[in-house]
């Protein structure tokens, strides 16, 4: 299986730790598919301010 997720995403910002993590449904699906054995996965999207 090959998969490309297209959409928007979010960034979780943990102010007390000073770190940011990308996330959101489209990105999470691409990562989960790759971890589940998909041949190729990609994400195409945008993150706003």
PDB file of N, CA and C in Angstrom:
ATOM      1  N   UNK A   1       0.849  -1.181   0.000  1.00  0.00           N
ATOM      2  CA  UNK A   1       0.000   0.000   0.000  1.00  0.00           C
ATOM      3  C   UNK A   1       0.886   1.233   0.000  1.00  0.00           C
ATOM      4  N   UNK A   2       0.481   2.233  -0.732  1.00  0.00           N
ATOM      5  CA  UNK A   2       1.103   3.555  -0.708  1.00  0.00           C
ATOM      6  C   UNK A   2       0.039   4.558  -0.286  1.00  0.00           C
ATOM      7  N   UNK A   3       0.435   5.527   0.498  1.00  0.00           N
ATOM      8  CA  UNK A   3      -0.530   6.479   1.042  1.00  0.00           C
ATOM      9  C   UNK A   3       0.076   7.865   1.056  1.00  0.00           C
ATOM     10  N   UNK A   4      -0.722   8.856   0.679  1.00  0.00           N
ATOM     11  CA  UNK A   4      -0.336  10.249   0.893  1.00  0.00           C
ATOM     12  C   UNK A   4      -1.500  10.948   1.568  1.00  0.00           C
ATOM     13  N   UNK A   5      -1.205  11.582   2.689  1.00  0.00           N
ATOM     14  CA  UNK A   5      -2.208  12.339   3.420  1.00  0.00           C
ATOM     15  C   UNK A   5      -2.090  13.804   3.048  1.00  0.00           C
ATOM     16  N   UNK A   6      -3.199  14.425   2.688  1.00  0.00           N
ATOM     17  CA  UNK A   6      -3.198  15.836   2.301  1.00  0.00           C
ATOM     18  C   UNK A   6      -4.179  16.569   3.207  1.00  0.00           C
ATOM     19  N   UNK A   7      -3.704  17.628   3.849  1.00  0.00           N
ATOM     20  CA  UNK A   7      -4.591  18.398   4.711  1.00  0.00           C
ATOM     21  C   UNK A   7      -3.829  19.344   5.610  1.00  0.00           C
ATOM     22  N   UNK A   8      -4.497  19.781   6.638  1.00  0.00           N
ATOM     23  CA  UNK A   8      -3.853  20.684   7.583  1.00  0.00           C
ATOM     24  C   UNK A   8      -3.435  19.901   8.822  1.00  0.00           C
ATOM     25  N   UNK A   9      -2.644  20.519   9.641  1.00  0.00           N
ATOM     26  CA  UNK A   9      -2.220  19.859  10.861  1.00  0.00           C
ATOM     27  C   UNK A   9      -2.105  20.867  11.985  1.00  0.00           C
ATOM     28  N   UNK A  10      -1.731  20.398  13.134  1.00  0.00           N
ATOM     29  CA  UNK A  10      -1.593  21.245  14.313  1.00  0.00           C
ATOM     30  C   UNK A  10      -0.206  21.025  14.912  1.00  0.00           C
ATOM     31  N   UNK A  11       0.154  21.925  15.785  1.00  0.00           N
ATOM     32  CA  UNK A  11       1.384  21.779  16.549  1.00  0.00           C
ATOM     33  C   UNK A  11       1.013  21.891  18.017  1.00  0.00           C
ATOM     34  N   UNK A  12       1.363  20.867  18.786  1.00  0.00           N
ATOM     35  CA  UNK A  12       1.149  20.916  20.228  1.00  0.00           C
ATOM     36  C   UNK A  12       2.380  21.563  20.854  1.00  0.00           C
ATOM     37  N   UNK A  13       2.167  22.640  21.582  1.00  0.00           N
ATOM     38  CA  UNK A  13       3.267  23.375  22.198  1.00  0.00           C
ATOM     39  C   UNK A  13       3.185  23.210  23.713  1.00  0.00           C
ATOM     40  N   UNK A  14       4.227  22.634  24.277  1.00  0.00           N
ATOM     41  CA  UNK A  14       4.316  22.456  25.729  1.00  0.00           C
ATOM     42  C   UNK A  14       5.226  23.545  26.267  1.00  0.00           C
ATOM     43  N   UNK A  15       4.592  24.636  26.685  1.00  0.00           N
ATOM     44  CA  UNK A  15       5.320  25.835  27.083  1.00  0.00           C
ATOM     45  C   UNK A  15       6.277  25.566  28.240  1.00  0.00           C
ATOM     46  N   UNK A  16       5.867  24.769  29.212  1.00  0.00           N
ATOM     47  CA  UNK A  16       6.725  24.503  30.366  1.00  0.00           C
ATOM     48  C   UNK A  16       7.980  23.720  29.988  1.00  0.00           C
ATOM     49  N   UNK A  17       7.908  22.938  28.902  1.00  0.00           N
ATOM     50  CA  UNK A  17       9.053  22.156  28.441  1.00  0.00           C
ATOM     51  C   UNK A  17       9.799  22.845  27.297  1.00  0.00           C
ATOM     52  N   UNK A  18       9.158  23.829  26.688  1.00  0.00           N
ATOM     53  CA  UNK A  18       9.757  24.541  25.573  1.00  0.00           C
ATOM     54  C   UNK A  18       9.898  23.700  24.319  1.00  0.00           C
ATOM     55  N   UNK A  19       8.980  22.737  24.108  1.00  0.00           N
ATOM     56  CA  UNK A  19       9.044  21.866  22.932  1.00  0.00           C
ATOM     57  C   UNK A  19       7.722  21.895  22.164  1.00  0.00           C
ATOM     58  N   UNK A  20       7.819  21.597  20.865  1.00  0.00           N
ATOM     59  CA  UNK A  20       6.653  21.540  19.997  1.00  0.00           C
ATOM     60  C   UNK A  20       6.645  20.193  19.277  1.00  0.00           C
ATOM     61  N   UNK A  21       5.463  19.616  19.130  1.00  0.00           N
ATOM     62  CA  UNK A  21       5.300  18.342  18.443  1.00  0.00           C
ATOM     63  C   UNK A  21       4.257  18.496  17.350  1.00  0.00           C
ATOM     64  N   UNK A  22       4.570  18.048  16.114  1.00  0.00           N
ATOM     65  CA  UNK A  22       3.554  18.097  15.059  1.00  0.00           C
ATOM     66  C   UNK A  22       2.512  17.009  15.284  1.00  0.00           C
ATOM     67  N   UNK A  23       1.308  17.245  14.805  1.00  0.00           N
ATOM     68  CA  UNK A  23       0.252  16.254  14.956  1.00  0.00           C
ATOM     69  C   UNK A  23      -0.943  16.607  14.097  1.00  0.00           C
ATOM     70  N   UNK A  24      -2.040  15.969  14.376  1.00  0.00           N
ATOM     71  CA  UNK A  24      -3.261  16.150  13.609  1.00  0.00           C
ATOM     72  C   UNK A  24      -3.616  14.852  12.908  1.00  0.00           C
ATOM     73  N   UNK A  25      -4.875  14.694  12.568  1.00  0.00           N
ATOM     74  CA  UNK A  25      -5.366  13.434  12.013  1.00  0.00           C
ATOM     75  C   UNK A  25      -4.632  12.994  10.754  1.00  0.00           C
ATOM     76  N   UNK A  26      -4.434  13.891   9.806  1.00  0.00           N
ATOM     77  CA  UNK A  26      -3.811  13.506   8.537  1.00  0.00           C
ATOM     78  C   UNK A  26      -2.387  13.011   8.766  1.00  0.00           C
ATOM     79  N   UNK A  27      -1.631  13.723   9.545  1.00  0.00           N
ATOM     80  CA  UNK A  27      -0.254  13.324   9.842  1.00  0.00           C
ATOM     81  C   UNK A  27      -0.223  12.018  10.624  1.00  0.00           C
ATOM     82  N   UNK A  28      -1.094  11.883  11.598  1.00  0.00           N
ATOM     83  CA  UNK A  28      -1.136  10.668  12.411  1.00  0.00           C
ATOM     84  C   UNK A  28      -1.484   9.429  11.581  1.00  0.00           C
ATOM     85  N   UNK A  29      -2.369   9.565  10.607  1.00  0.00           N
ATOM     86  CA  UNK A  29      -2.731   8.433   9.752  1.00  0.00           C
ATOM     87  C   UNK A  29      -1.535   7.993   8.917  1.00  0.00           C
ATOM     88  N   UNK A  30      -0.781   8.939   8.367  1.00  0.00           N
ATOM     89  CA  UNK A  30       0.396   8.593   7.571  1.00  0.00           C
ATOM     90  C   UNK A  30       1.436   7.863   8.419  1.00  0.00           C
ATOM     91  N   UNK A  31       1.667   8.339   9.614  1.00  0.00           N
ATOM     92  CA  UNK A  31       2.632   7.692  10.510  1.00  0.00           C
ATOM     93  C   UNK A  31       2.151   6.296  10.900  1.00  0.00           C
ATOM     94  N   UNK A  32       0.882   6.170  11.254  1.00  0.00           N
ATOM     95  CA  UNK A  32       0.342   4.865  11.656  1.00  0.00           C
ATOM     96  C   UNK A  32       0.398   3.868  10.508  1.00  0.00           C
ATOM     97  N   UNK A  33       0.122   4.312   9.296  1.00  0.00           N
ATOM     98  CA  UNK A  33       0.166   3.413   8.150  1.00  0.00           C
ATOM     99  C   UNK A  33       1.582   2.898   7.916  1.00  0.00           C
ATOM    100  N   UNK A  34       2.563   3.774   8.012  1.00  0.00           N
ATOM    101  CA  UNK A  34       3.950   3.352   7.826  1.00  0.00           C
ATOM    102  C   UNK A  34       4.363   2.367   8.909  1.00  0.00           C
ATOM    103  N   UNK A  35       3.994   2.652  10.136  1.00  0.00           N
ATOM    104  CA  UNK A  35       4.332   1.754  11.249  1.00  0.00           C
ATOM    105  C   UNK A  35       3.632   0.401  11.119  1.00  0.00           C
ATOM    106  N   UNK A  36       2.509   0.387  10.395  1.00  0.00           N
ATOM    107  CA  UNK A  36       1.754  -0.851  10.206  1.00  0.00           C
ATOM    108  C   UNK A  36       2.201  -1.630   8.975  1.00  0.00           C
ATOM    109  N   UNK A  37       3.235  -1.149   8.305  1.00  0.00           N
ATOM    110  CA  UNK A  37       3.802  -1.900   7.198  1.00  0.00           C
ATOM    111  C   UNK A  37       3.535  -1.372   5.813  1.00  0.00           C
ATOM    112  N   UNK A  38       2.986  -0.186   5.671  1.00  0.00           N
ATOM    113  CA  UNK A  38       2.754   0.369   4.342  1.00  0.00           C
ATOM    114  C   UNK A  38       4.084   0.561   3.612  1.00  0.00           C
ATOM    115  N   UNK A  39       4.069   0.339   2.311  1.00  0.00           N
ATOM    116  CA  UNK A  39       5.279   0.449   1.493  1.00  0.00           C
ATOM    117  C   UNK A  39       5.844   1.870   1.512  1.00  0.00           C
ATOM    118  N   UNK A  40       4.985   2.848   1.339  1.00  0.00           N
ATOM    119  CA  UNK A  40       5.423   4.247   1.311  1.00  0.00           C
ATOM    120  C   UNK A  40       4.299   5.121   1.837  1.00  0.00           C
ATOM    121  N   UNK A  41       4.657   6.130   2.604  1.00  0.00           N
ATOM    122  CA  UNK A  41       3.690   7.078   3.145  1.00  0.00           C
ATOM    123  C   UNK A  41       4.282   8.480   3.081  1.00  0.00           C
ATOM    124  N   UNK A  42       3.407   9.456   2.895  1.00  0.00           N
ATOM    125  CA  UNK A  42       3.848  10.841   2.841  1.00  0.00           C
ATOM    126  C   UNK A  42       2.750  11.726   3.391  1.00  0.00           C
ATOM    127  N   UNK A  43       3.147  12.925   3.740  1.00  0.00           N
ATOM    128  CA  UNK A  43       2.202  13.930   4.222  1.00  0.00           C
ATOM    129  C   UNK A  43       2.463  15.225   3.468  1.00  0.00           C
ATOM    130  N   UNK A  44       1.415  15.868   3.000  1.00  0.00           N
ATOM    131  CA  UNK A  44       1.514  17.144   2.319  1.00  0.00           C
ATOM    132  C   UNK A  44       0.501  18.071   2.959  1.00  0.00           C
ATOM    133  N   UNK A  45       0.989  19.153   3.537  1.00  0.00           N
ATOM    134  CA  UNK A  45       0.074  20.042   4.210  1.00  0.00           C
ATOM    135  C   UNK A  45       0.740  21.334   4.607  1.00  0.00           C
ATOM    136  N   UNK A  46       0.053  22.082   5.442  1.00  0.00           N
ATOM    137  CA  UNK A  46       0.508  23.399   5.838  1.00  0.00           C
ATOM    138  C   UNK A  46       0.258  23.611   7.327  1.00  0.00           C
ATOM    139  N   UNK A  47       1.138  24.341   7.927  1.00  0.00           N
ATOM    140  CA  UNK A  47       0.963  24.737   9.325  1.00  0.00           C
ATOM    141  C   UNK A  47       0.943  26.257   9.387  1.00  0.00           C
ATOM    142  N   UNK A  48      -0.077  26.801  10.003  1.00  0.00           N
ATOM    143  CA  UNK A  48      -0.187  28.258  10.122  1.00  0.00           C
ATOM    144  C   UNK A  48       0.601  28.779  11.313  1.00  0.00           C
ATOM    145  N   UNK A  49       0.454  30.039  11.557  1.00  0.00           N
ATOM    146  CA  UNK A  49       1.170  30.667  12.668  1.00  0.00           C
ATOM    147  C   UNK A  49       0.644  30.147  13.947  1.00  0.00           C
TER     148      UNK A  49
END
